[in-house]
Every structure is written in structure tokens, then in C-alpha cells.
Amino acid sequence: MEVLVQWFTDNLSQHISRELIIFIISMIPILELRGGLLAASLLKVSAAKAIPICIIGNIIPIPFILLFIRQIFKVLKKTKLFHGLVVKMEDRAMGKSDQIKRYEFFGLLLFVGIPLPGTGAWTGSLIASLLEVDIKKSSIAIFCGLIMATVIMYVVSYGIVGNLIH
């Protein structure tokens, strides 16, 4: 993840503002809020400015995933080009779904909130949609998990990493 964040910050910083870079990174699957806050720390954007940008960037795709991903996957599975990719994405997401199946709201909150590889709002939304978890319940759990991840990543990005690079 650090390599991707570094690539984005190095290649985009000559063309767009630091704030737009962290916003874009926060919207990208895999990087999400974690990558956005790490990039903000590397770009020396204050936490007070970076946190709302990262949260908004990470939240924007979530309603679309929750509402439309099953229909999109259904259409894409009918194509030769995307069938294998969609099946692989579904299998991968469902392979991480045990915690969410068992504990639903709190499982989803922890899945999104504990920033580990393969977890986050994108994957949590995908799993919630595939499991047909109530959209209101899943939206609240994902948002709360995002706040939890924000606190953890603030400490990592501005505390630990920030002290190493300054």
C-alpha cells in the first residue's frame, strides 16, 4: 500500500493540489482512507484538514456499492470478458464474510474499522450487499467503522509515521 501511495503522491503532486490527491486516494479500493491519511502525512497536510477530506472521499462510493453492485455484477457475469473477474471478486469478498455473517452490525463495523489488508469500506460494502444486509444497518456500521479506522490511522500516519519522516 505504501508503494501505491508514494506513486500517487509523486506523480500527481505536480498536477493537482495535495488535498485533491488525498481525496482521490481515499476513493480508490485497497488504498481508501488508510492510504489517504498516509498520503496526507507524507504531503504534510494537517490532520484537521486531511481527516474530513479522507472520510468524504472514502464514503462517496459506498452508497453506490450497497445499492447497485449486485445488479452490476449480474450484468458483468454475463460477459465473457468480466465473468471470471466478478466471480473471483465475489468469492474473495465472501471468503472474508464469516465475521459479518455471525455478528452482522458489529462484525461489519469491526471489519471496516480495523485497518488490515483486504478490509475497509469497499470490501465491507461489497460483503454487506452480497449478504443482503439491511442497507440502513450496513450504512451506519460502515460509517462507524470508518470513524474507527480514522482514529487508528491518524495515530499511525501522524504519530508513528509522522515521527519517522520528520
N, C-alpha and C. Protein backbone atom coordinates (compact mmCIF):
# COMPACT_ATOMS: atom_id res chain seq x y z
N MET A 1 0.83 -1.19 0.00
CA MET A 1 0.00 0.00 0.00
C MET A 1 0.87 1.25 0.00
N GLU A 2 1.95 1.22 0.79
CA GLU A 2 2.82 2.40 0.88
C GLU A 2 3.41 2.76 -0.48
N VAL A 3 3.74 1.74 -1.27
CA VAL A 3 4.31 1.98 -2.60
C VAL A 3 3.30 2.68 -3.50
N LEU A 4 2.04 2.23 -3.46
CA LEU A 4 0.98 2.87 -4.26
C LEU A 4 0.76 4.32 -3.83
N VAL A 5 0.71 4.54 -2.53
CA VAL A 5 0.52 5.90 -2.00
C VAL A 5 1.67 6.79 -2.46
N GLN A 6 2.88 6.27 -2.35
CA GLN A 6 4.06 7.05 -2.76
C GLN A 6 4.00 7.36 -4.24
N TRP A 7 3.57 6.39 -5.07
CA TRP A 7 3.47 6.61 -6.50
C TRP A 7 2.47 7.72 -6.81
N PHE A 8 1.30 7.66 -6.18
CA PHE A 8 0.28 8.69 -6.40
C PHE A 8 0.79 10.06 -5.98
N THR A 9 1.39 10.14 -4.81
CA THR A 9 1.84 11.44 -4.32
C THR A 9 2.96 11.99 -5.21
N ASP A 10 3.87 11.14 -5.66
CA ASP A 10 4.97 11.59 -6.51
C ASP A 10 4.47 12.05 -7.89
N ASN A 11 3.56 11.30 -8.48
CA ASN A 11 3.15 11.56 -9.86
C ASN A 11 2.03 12.59 -10.00
N LEU A 12 1.23 12.76 -8.98
CA LEU A 12 0.12 13.71 -9.09
C LEU A 12 0.43 15.08 -8.49
N SER A 13 1.42 15.14 -7.62
CA SER A 13 1.66 16.40 -6.90
C SER A 13 2.07 17.55 -7.81
N GLN A 14 2.57 17.26 -9.00
CA GLN A 14 2.94 18.35 -9.91
C GLN A 14 1.72 18.89 -10.66
N HIS A 15 0.60 18.13 -10.64
CA HIS A 15 -0.55 18.47 -11.46
C HIS A 15 -1.78 18.94 -10.69
N ILE A 16 -1.96 18.42 -9.49
CA ILE A 16 -3.16 18.77 -8.72
C ILE A 16 -2.78 19.06 -7.27
N SER A 17 -3.71 19.65 -6.56
CA SER A 17 -3.42 20.04 -5.18
C SER A 17 -3.24 18.82 -4.27
N ARG A 18 -2.57 19.03 -3.17
CA ARG A 18 -2.35 17.97 -2.19
C ARG A 18 -3.68 17.43 -1.66
N GLU A 19 -4.63 18.34 -1.46
CA GLU A 19 -5.94 17.93 -0.95
C GLU A 19 -6.69 17.05 -1.95
N LEU A 20 -6.59 17.37 -3.23
CA LEU A 20 -7.25 16.55 -4.25
C LEU A 20 -6.58 15.17 -4.36
N ILE A 21 -5.28 15.14 -4.18
CA ILE A 21 -4.56 13.85 -4.18
C ILE A 21 -5.09 12.95 -3.07
N ILE A 22 -5.20 13.47 -1.86
CA ILE A 22 -5.66 12.61 -0.76
C ILE A 22 -7.13 12.24 -0.93
N PHE A 23 -7.92 13.12 -1.52
CA PHE A 23 -9.32 12.81 -1.80
C PHE A 23 -9.41 11.65 -2.79
N ILE A 24 -8.65 11.71 -3.87
CA ILE A 24 -8.66 10.65 -4.89
C ILE A 24 -8.17 9.34 -4.29
N ILE A 25 -7.07 9.38 -3.56
CA ILE A 25 -6.55 8.15 -2.95
C ILE A 25 -7.58 7.53 -2.02
N SER A 26 -8.32 8.35 -1.28
CA SER A 26 -9.33 7.85 -0.34
C SER A 26 -10.50 7.17 -1.05
N MET A 27 -10.70 7.46 -2.32
CA MET A 27 -11.79 6.86 -3.08
C MET A 27 -11.39 5.54 -3.73
N ILE A 28 -10.11 5.25 -3.80
CA ILE A 28 -9.61 4.08 -4.53
C ILE A 28 -9.69 2.83 -3.66
N PRO A 29 -10.26 1.74 -4.21
CA PRO A 29 -10.30 0.49 -3.45
C PRO A 29 -8.88 0.07 -3.06
N ILE A 30 -8.73 -0.59 -1.98
CA ILE A 30 -7.49 -1.05 -1.38
C ILE A 30 -6.81 0.09 -0.60
N LEU A 31 -6.66 1.26 -1.21
CA LEU A 31 -6.00 2.37 -0.51
C LEU A 31 -6.95 3.03 0.48
N GLU A 32 -8.08 3.48 0.00
CA GLU A 32 -9.15 4.06 0.81
C GLU A 32 -8.63 5.11 1.81
N LEU A 33 -9.31 5.22 2.93
CA LEU A 33 -8.97 6.21 3.95
C LEU A 33 -7.56 5.99 4.49
N ARG A 34 -7.17 4.73 4.63
CA ARG A 34 -5.82 4.41 5.14
C ARG A 34 -4.76 5.06 4.28
N GLY A 35 -4.89 4.86 2.97
CA GLY A 35 -3.92 5.45 2.05
C GLY A 35 -4.01 6.96 2.00
N GLY A 36 -5.23 7.48 2.09
CA GLY A 36 -5.41 8.93 2.07
C GLY A 36 -4.73 9.61 3.24
N LEU A 37 -4.89 9.05 4.43
CA LEU A 37 -4.25 9.66 5.61
C LEU A 37 -2.74 9.50 5.57
N LEU A 38 -2.27 8.37 5.06
CA LEU A 38 -0.83 8.18 4.92
C LEU A 38 -0.27 9.19 3.92
N ALA A 39 -0.96 9.37 2.80
CA ALA A 39 -0.53 10.36 1.80
C ALA A 39 -0.57 11.77 2.39
N ALA A 40 -1.60 12.07 3.16
CA ALA A 40 -1.70 13.40 3.77
C ALA A 40 -0.52 13.67 4.69
N SER A 41 -0.14 12.66 5.45
CA SER A 41 1.01 12.80 6.33
C SER A 41 2.29 13.04 5.52
N LEU A 42 2.46 12.26 4.45
CA LEU A 42 3.65 12.41 3.60
C LEU A 42 3.67 13.77 2.90
N LEU A 43 2.49 14.26 2.53
CA LEU A 43 2.39 15.56 1.84
C LEU A 43 2.33 16.74 2.81
N LYS A 44 2.40 16.43 4.09
CA LYS A 44 2.38 17.44 5.16
C LYS A 44 1.10 18.28 5.16
N VAL A 45 -0.03 17.60 4.93
CA VAL A 45 -1.35 18.21 5.06
C VAL A 45 -1.77 18.00 6.51
N SER A 46 -2.24 19.03 7.16
CA SER A 46 -2.62 18.90 8.56
C SER A 46 -3.72 17.86 8.74
N ALA A 47 -3.71 17.19 9.87
CA ALA A 47 -4.73 16.18 10.17
C ALA A 47 -6.12 16.80 10.17
N ALA A 48 -6.24 18.01 10.69
CA ALA A 48 -7.54 18.68 10.75
C ALA A 48 -8.13 18.88 9.36
N LYS A 49 -7.30 19.10 8.38
CA LYS A 49 -7.76 19.28 7.00
C LYS A 49 -7.93 17.92 6.31
N ALA A 50 -7.02 16.99 6.58
CA ALA A 50 -7.00 15.71 5.88
C ALA A 50 -8.13 14.77 6.29
N ILE A 51 -8.46 14.72 7.56
CA ILE A 51 -9.45 13.75 8.04
C ILE A 51 -10.81 13.92 7.36
N PRO A 52 -11.39 15.12 7.33
CA PRO A 52 -12.69 15.23 6.63
C PRO A 52 -12.61 14.91 5.14
N ILE A 53 -11.51 15.29 4.50
CA ILE A 53 -11.33 15.00 3.07
C ILE A 53 -11.30 13.49 2.85
N CYS A 54 -10.54 12.79 3.68
CA CYS A 54 -10.42 11.33 3.54
C CYS A 54 -11.73 10.63 3.83
N ILE A 55 -12.45 11.05 4.85
CA ILE A 55 -13.73 10.43 5.18
C ILE A 55 -14.72 10.62 4.04
N ILE A 56 -14.82 11.84 3.53
CA ILE A 56 -15.75 12.10 2.42
C ILE A 56 -15.35 11.30 1.18
N GLY A 57 -14.06 11.29 0.87
CA GLY A 57 -13.59 10.52 -0.29
C GLY A 57 -13.88 9.04 -0.16
N ASN A 58 -13.73 8.50 1.04
CA ASN A 58 -13.97 7.08 1.24
C ASN A 58 -15.46 6.74 1.27
N ILE A 59 -16.28 7.69 1.71
CA ILE A 59 -17.72 7.42 1.83
C ILE A 59 -18.46 7.53 0.50
N ILE A 60 -18.01 8.37 -0.40
CA ILE A 60 -18.74 8.61 -1.65
C ILE A 60 -19.09 7.32 -2.41
N PRO A 61 -18.18 6.37 -2.58
CA PRO A 61 -18.54 5.16 -3.35
C PRO A 61 -19.49 4.19 -2.62
N ILE A 62 -19.58 4.28 -1.31
CA ILE A 62 -20.28 3.27 -0.51
C ILE A 62 -21.76 3.12 -0.87
N PRO A 63 -22.55 4.20 -0.96
CA PRO A 63 -23.97 4.01 -1.32
C PRO A 63 -24.15 3.34 -2.67
N PHE A 64 -23.28 3.66 -3.62
CA PHE A 64 -23.36 3.05 -4.95
C PHE A 64 -23.07 1.55 -4.89
N ILE A 65 -22.09 1.18 -4.07
CA ILE A 65 -21.77 -0.25 -3.91
C ILE A 65 -22.95 -0.96 -3.24
N LEU A 66 -23.44 -0.39 -2.15
CA LEU A 66 -24.55 -1.03 -1.42
C LEU A 66 -25.80 -1.17 -2.29
N LEU A 67 -26.09 -0.17 -3.10
CA LEU A 67 -27.32 -0.17 -3.89
C LEU A 67 -27.22 -0.91 -5.22
N PHE A 68 -26.07 -0.86 -5.87
CA PHE A 68 -26.02 -1.30 -7.26
C PHE A 68 -25.06 -2.44 -7.59
N ILE A 69 -24.19 -2.84 -6.67
CA ILE A 69 -23.15 -3.79 -7.05
C ILE A 69 -23.70 -5.15 -7.46
N ARG A 70 -24.75 -5.61 -6.82
CA ARG A 70 -25.30 -6.93 -7.20
C ARG A 70 -25.83 -6.89 -8.64
N GLN A 71 -26.52 -5.80 -8.99
CA GLN A 71 -27.04 -5.69 -10.35
C GLN A 71 -25.90 -5.56 -11.37
N ILE A 72 -24.89 -4.78 -11.02
CA ILE A 72 -23.73 -4.61 -11.91
C ILE A 72 -23.02 -5.94 -12.10
N PHE A 73 -22.80 -6.67 -11.00
CA PHE A 73 -22.14 -7.97 -11.09
C PHE A 73 -22.96 -8.95 -11.94
N LYS A 74 -24.27 -8.90 -11.79
CA LYS A 74 -25.17 -9.79 -12.55
C LYS A 74 -24.98 -9.57 -14.05
N VAL A 75 -24.93 -8.30 -14.45
CA VAL A 75 -24.73 -7.96 -15.87
C VAL A 75 -23.33 -8.36 -16.32
N LEU A 76 -22.32 -8.03 -15.52
CA LEU A 76 -20.93 -8.33 -15.91
C LEU A 76 -20.65 -9.83 -16.00
N LYS A 77 -21.33 -10.61 -15.17
CA LYS A 77 -21.13 -12.07 -15.21
C LYS A 77 -21.60 -12.68 -16.53
N LYS A 78 -22.48 -11.98 -17.21
CA LYS A 78 -22.98 -12.48 -18.49
C LYS A 78 -21.99 -12.26 -19.63
N THR A 79 -20.95 -11.45 -19.37
CA THR A 79 -19.97 -11.18 -20.42
C THR A 79 -18.77 -12.11 -20.25
N LYS A 80 -18.21 -12.46 -21.36
CA LYS A 80 -17.04 -13.35 -21.36
C LYS A 80 -15.83 -12.64 -20.72
N LEU A 81 -15.72 -11.36 -20.99
CA LEU A 81 -14.58 -10.58 -20.53
C LEU A 81 -14.52 -10.45 -18.99
N PHE A 82 -15.66 -10.20 -18.34
CA PHE A 82 -15.67 -9.89 -16.91
C PHE A 82 -16.16 -11.03 -16.00
N HIS A 83 -16.69 -12.10 -16.58
CA HIS A 83 -17.25 -13.17 -15.76
C HIS A 83 -16.26 -13.67 -14.71
N GLY A 84 -15.08 -14.04 -15.14
CA GLY A 84 -14.07 -14.59 -14.22
C GLY A 84 -13.67 -13.61 -13.12
N LEU A 85 -13.50 -12.35 -13.49
CA LEU A 85 -13.12 -11.32 -12.52
C LEU A 85 -14.21 -11.13 -11.46
N VAL A 86 -15.45 -11.07 -11.89
CA VAL A 86 -16.56 -10.87 -10.96
C VAL A 86 -16.68 -12.06 -10.02
N VAL A 87 -16.59 -13.26 -10.55
CA VAL A 87 -16.66 -14.45 -9.70
C VAL A 87 -15.53 -14.45 -8.68
N LYS A 88 -14.34 -14.07 -9.12
CA LYS A 88 -13.18 -14.02 -8.21
C LYS A 88 -13.41 -12.97 -7.11
N MET A 89 -13.94 -11.80 -7.50
CA MET A 89 -14.20 -10.75 -6.51
C MET A 89 -15.27 -11.19 -5.51
N GLU A 90 -16.32 -11.83 -6.00
CA GLU A 90 -17.38 -12.31 -5.10
C GLU A 90 -16.83 -13.38 -4.15
N ASP A 91 -16.06 -14.32 -4.69
CA ASP A 91 -15.50 -15.39 -3.86
C ASP A 91 -14.56 -14.82 -2.80
N ARG A 92 -13.74 -13.86 -3.20
CA ARG A 92 -12.80 -13.26 -2.26
C ARG A 92 -13.54 -12.50 -1.15
N ALA A 93 -14.55 -11.74 -1.52
CA ALA A 93 -15.33 -10.99 -0.54
C ALA A 93 -16.07 -11.94 0.40
N MET A 94 -16.68 -12.97 -0.16
CA MET A 94 -17.44 -13.90 0.66
C MET A 94 -16.52 -14.74 1.55
N GLY A 95 -15.28 -14.92 1.13
CA GLY A 95 -14.30 -15.62 1.95
C GLY A 95 -13.97 -14.86 3.23
N LYS A 96 -14.21 -13.58 3.23
CA LYS A 96 -13.94 -12.73 4.39
C LYS A 96 -15.21 -12.39 5.16
N SER A 97 -16.31 -13.06 4.84
CA SER A 97 -17.61 -12.64 5.36
C SER A 97 -18.05 -13.32 6.65
N ASP A 98 -17.29 -14.29 7.17
CA ASP A 98 -17.73 -15.02 8.36
C ASP A 98 -18.07 -14.11 9.53
N GLN A 99 -17.19 -13.18 9.83
CA GLN A 99 -17.40 -12.25 10.94
C GLN A 99 -18.68 -11.43 10.74
N ILE A 100 -18.92 -11.02 9.52
CA ILE A 100 -20.10 -10.20 9.23
C ILE A 100 -21.37 -11.05 9.30
N LYS A 101 -21.31 -12.28 8.78
CA LYS A 101 -22.47 -13.19 8.86
C LYS A 101 -22.86 -13.44 10.31
N ARG A 102 -21.86 -13.67 11.15
CA ARG A 102 -22.12 -14.05 12.52
C ARG A 102 -22.61 -12.88 13.36
N TYR A 103 -21.98 -11.72 13.23
CA TYR A 103 -22.28 -10.60 14.12
C TYR A 103 -22.96 -9.43 13.42
N GLU A 104 -23.20 -9.55 12.15
CA GLU A 104 -23.84 -8.56 11.29
C GLU A 104 -23.36 -7.13 11.57
N PHE A 105 -24.07 -6.32 12.38
CA PHE A 105 -23.73 -4.92 12.58
C PHE A 105 -22.31 -4.78 13.15
N PHE A 106 -22.03 -5.43 14.28
CA PHE A 106 -20.72 -5.26 14.91
C PHE A 106 -19.61 -5.93 14.11
N GLY A 107 -19.95 -7.02 13.43
CA GLY A 107 -18.97 -7.65 12.57
C GLY A 107 -18.57 -6.74 11.42
N LEU A 108 -19.55 -6.09 10.82
CA LEU A 108 -19.28 -5.16 9.73
C LEU A 108 -18.51 -3.94 10.24
N LEU A 109 -18.91 -3.41 11.39
CA LEU A 109 -18.22 -2.27 11.99
C LEU A 109 -16.74 -2.61 12.22
N LEU A 110 -16.45 -3.77 12.81
CA LEU A 110 -15.07 -4.16 13.09
C LEU A 110 -14.31 -4.45 11.80
N PHE A 111 -14.99 -5.07 10.84
CA PHE A 111 -14.34 -5.39 9.56
C PHE A 111 -13.86 -4.11 8.87
N VAL A 112 -14.69 -3.10 8.88
CA VAL A 112 -14.33 -1.83 8.24
C VAL A 112 -13.37 -1.04 9.14
N GLY A 113 -13.57 -1.12 10.44
CA GLY A 113 -12.85 -0.27 11.38
C GLY A 113 -11.43 -0.68 11.70
N ILE A 114 -11.12 -1.95 11.58
CA ILE A 114 -9.75 -2.40 11.88
C ILE A 114 -8.99 -2.45 10.57
N PRO A 115 -8.07 -1.51 10.38
CA PRO A 115 -7.40 -1.37 9.08
C PRO A 115 -6.35 -2.45 8.82
N LEU A 116 -6.81 -3.55 8.27
CA LEU A 116 -5.93 -4.65 7.86
C LEU A 116 -6.02 -4.81 6.35
N PRO A 117 -5.03 -5.46 5.73
CA PRO A 117 -5.12 -5.68 4.28
C PRO A 117 -6.39 -6.46 3.92
N GLY A 118 -7.10 -5.99 2.92
CA GLY A 118 -8.30 -6.66 2.45
C GLY A 118 -9.57 -6.28 3.19
N THR A 119 -9.45 -5.39 4.16
CA THR A 119 -10.63 -4.91 4.86
C THR A 119 -10.84 -3.46 4.48
N GLY A 120 -11.97 -2.91 4.88
CA GLY A 120 -12.23 -1.50 4.59
C GLY A 120 -13.66 -1.31 4.13
N ALA A 121 -13.99 -0.08 3.81
CA ALA A 121 -15.36 0.27 3.46
C ALA A 121 -15.79 -0.35 2.13
N TRP A 122 -14.89 -0.42 1.15
CA TRP A 122 -15.25 -1.01 -0.14
C TRP A 122 -15.62 -2.48 0.03
N THR A 123 -14.73 -3.25 0.64
CA THR A 123 -14.98 -4.68 0.80
C THR A 123 -16.14 -4.92 1.75
N GLY A 124 -16.23 -4.14 2.82
CA GLY A 124 -17.35 -4.27 3.75
C GLY A 124 -18.67 -4.01 3.06
N SER A 125 -18.72 -3.00 2.20
CA SER A 125 -19.94 -2.69 1.44
C SER A 125 -20.28 -3.81 0.47
N LEU A 126 -19.27 -4.33 -0.18
CA LEU A 126 -19.48 -5.44 -1.12
C LEU A 126 -20.06 -6.65 -0.39
N ILE A 127 -19.47 -7.01 0.74
CA ILE A 127 -19.96 -8.15 1.51
C ILE A 127 -21.37 -7.90 2.01
N ALA A 128 -21.61 -6.70 2.56
CA ALA A 128 -22.96 -6.38 3.07
C ALA A 128 -23.99 -6.48 1.94
N SER A 129 -23.65 -6.02 0.76
CA SER A 129 -24.56 -6.09 -0.36
C SER A 129 -24.80 -7.53 -0.78
N LEU A 130 -23.73 -8.32 -0.89
CA LEU A 130 -23.87 -9.71 -1.31
C LEU A 130 -24.64 -10.54 -0.28
N LEU A 131 -24.49 -10.20 1.01
CA LEU A 131 -25.22 -10.90 2.06
C LEU A 131 -26.63 -10.33 2.26
N GLU A 132 -26.93 -9.26 1.53
CA GLU A 132 -28.22 -8.58 1.61
C GLU A 132 -28.53 -8.08 3.02
N VAL A 133 -27.50 -7.53 3.67
CA VAL A 133 -27.68 -6.90 4.98
C VAL A 133 -28.50 -5.63 4.76
N ASP A 134 -29.41 -5.33 5.66
CA ASP A 134 -30.24 -4.13 5.59
C ASP A 134 -29.37 -2.91 5.30
N ILE A 135 -29.77 -2.13 4.31
CA ILE A 135 -28.93 -1.01 3.85
C ILE A 135 -28.74 0.05 4.93
N LYS A 136 -29.77 0.32 5.72
CA LYS A 136 -29.63 1.31 6.78
C LYS A 136 -28.65 0.81 7.84
N LYS A 137 -28.80 -0.42 8.24
CA LYS A 137 -27.92 -1.02 9.25
C LYS A 137 -26.47 -1.08 8.74
N SER A 138 -26.30 -1.50 7.49
CA SER A 138 -24.95 -1.61 6.95
C SER A 138 -24.32 -0.23 6.75
N SER A 139 -25.09 0.76 6.34
CA SER A 139 -24.56 2.12 6.16
C SER A 139 -24.05 2.68 7.48
N ILE A 140 -24.81 2.50 8.54
CA ILE A 140 -24.40 3.00 9.86
C ILE A 140 -23.16 2.26 10.34
N ALA A 141 -23.15 0.93 10.19
CA ALA A 141 -21.99 0.14 10.62
C ALA A 141 -20.74 0.54 9.85
N ILE A 142 -20.86 0.74 8.55
CA ILE A 142 -19.71 1.13 7.72
C ILE A 142 -19.22 2.51 8.11
N PHE A 143 -20.13 3.45 8.34
CA PHE A 143 -19.72 4.79 8.74
C PHE A 143 -19.01 4.75 10.10
N CYS A 144 -19.56 4.03 11.05
CA CYS A 144 -18.92 3.92 12.38
C CYS A 144 -17.56 3.24 12.26
N GLY A 145 -17.48 2.21 11.41
CA GLY A 145 -16.19 1.56 11.17
C GLY A 145 -15.19 2.49 10.54
N LEU A 146 -15.67 3.35 9.66
CA LEU A 146 -14.80 4.33 9.02
C LEU A 146 -14.24 5.32 10.04
N ILE A 147 -15.06 5.73 10.99
CA ILE A 147 -14.60 6.63 12.05
C ILE A 147 -13.54 5.92 12.91
N MET A 148 -13.80 4.65 13.22
CA MET A 148 -12.84 3.87 14.00
C MET A 148 -11.50 3.75 13.24
N ALA A 149 -11.56 3.44 11.96
CA ALA A 149 -10.36 3.35 11.13
C ALA A 149 -9.64 4.69 11.06
N THR A 150 -10.40 5.77 11.04
CA THR A 150 -9.81 7.11 11.00
C THR A 150 -8.96 7.36 12.24
N VAL A 151 -9.49 7.01 13.40
CA VAL A 151 -8.74 7.21 14.65
C VAL A 151 -7.46 6.38 14.63
N ILE A 152 -7.58 5.11 14.25
CA ILE A 152 -6.41 4.23 14.22
C ILE A 152 -5.38 4.74 13.23
N MET A 153 -5.82 5.10 12.03
CA MET A 153 -4.89 5.56 11.01
C MET A 153 -4.32 6.94 11.30
N TYR A 154 -5.05 7.76 12.03
CA TYR A 154 -4.49 9.04 12.46
C TYR A 154 -3.28 8.80 13.35
N VAL A 155 -3.43 7.89 14.30
CA VAL A 155 -2.32 7.58 15.21
C VAL A 155 -1.14 7.01 14.42
N VAL A 156 -1.42 6.10 13.48
CA VAL A 156 -0.34 5.50 12.68
C VAL A 156 0.30 6.53 11.76
N SER A 157 -0.52 7.26 11.00
CA SER A 157 0.01 8.17 9.98
C SER A 157 0.66 9.42 10.57
N TYR A 158 0.03 10.01 11.55
CA TYR A 158 0.55 11.28 12.08
C TYR A 158 1.39 11.06 13.33
N GLY A 159 1.21 9.95 14.00
CA GLY A 159 2.00 9.66 15.18
C GLY A 159 3.26 8.90 14.82
N ILE A 160 3.09 7.65 14.44
CA ILE A 160 4.22 6.76 14.17
C ILE A 160 4.97 7.18 12.92
N VAL A 161 4.30 7.18 11.77
CA VAL A 161 4.95 7.53 10.50
C VAL A 161 5.39 8.99 10.51
N GLY A 162 4.55 9.85 11.04
CA GLY A 162 4.91 11.27 11.11
C GLY A 162 6.19 11.52 11.87
N ASN A 163 6.40 10.79 12.95
CA ASN A 163 7.64 10.93 13.72
C ASN A 163 8.84 10.34 13.01
N LEU A 164 8.62 9.33 12.17
CA LEU A 164 9.73 8.72 11.44
C LEU A 164 10.23 9.60 10.30
N ILE A 165 9.31 10.35 9.65
CA ILE A 165 9.74 11.12 8.47
C ILE A 165 10.08 12.58 8.79
N HIS A 166 9.82 13.03 10.00
CA HIS A 166 10.12 14.44 10.32
C HIS A 166 11.41 14.57 11.06
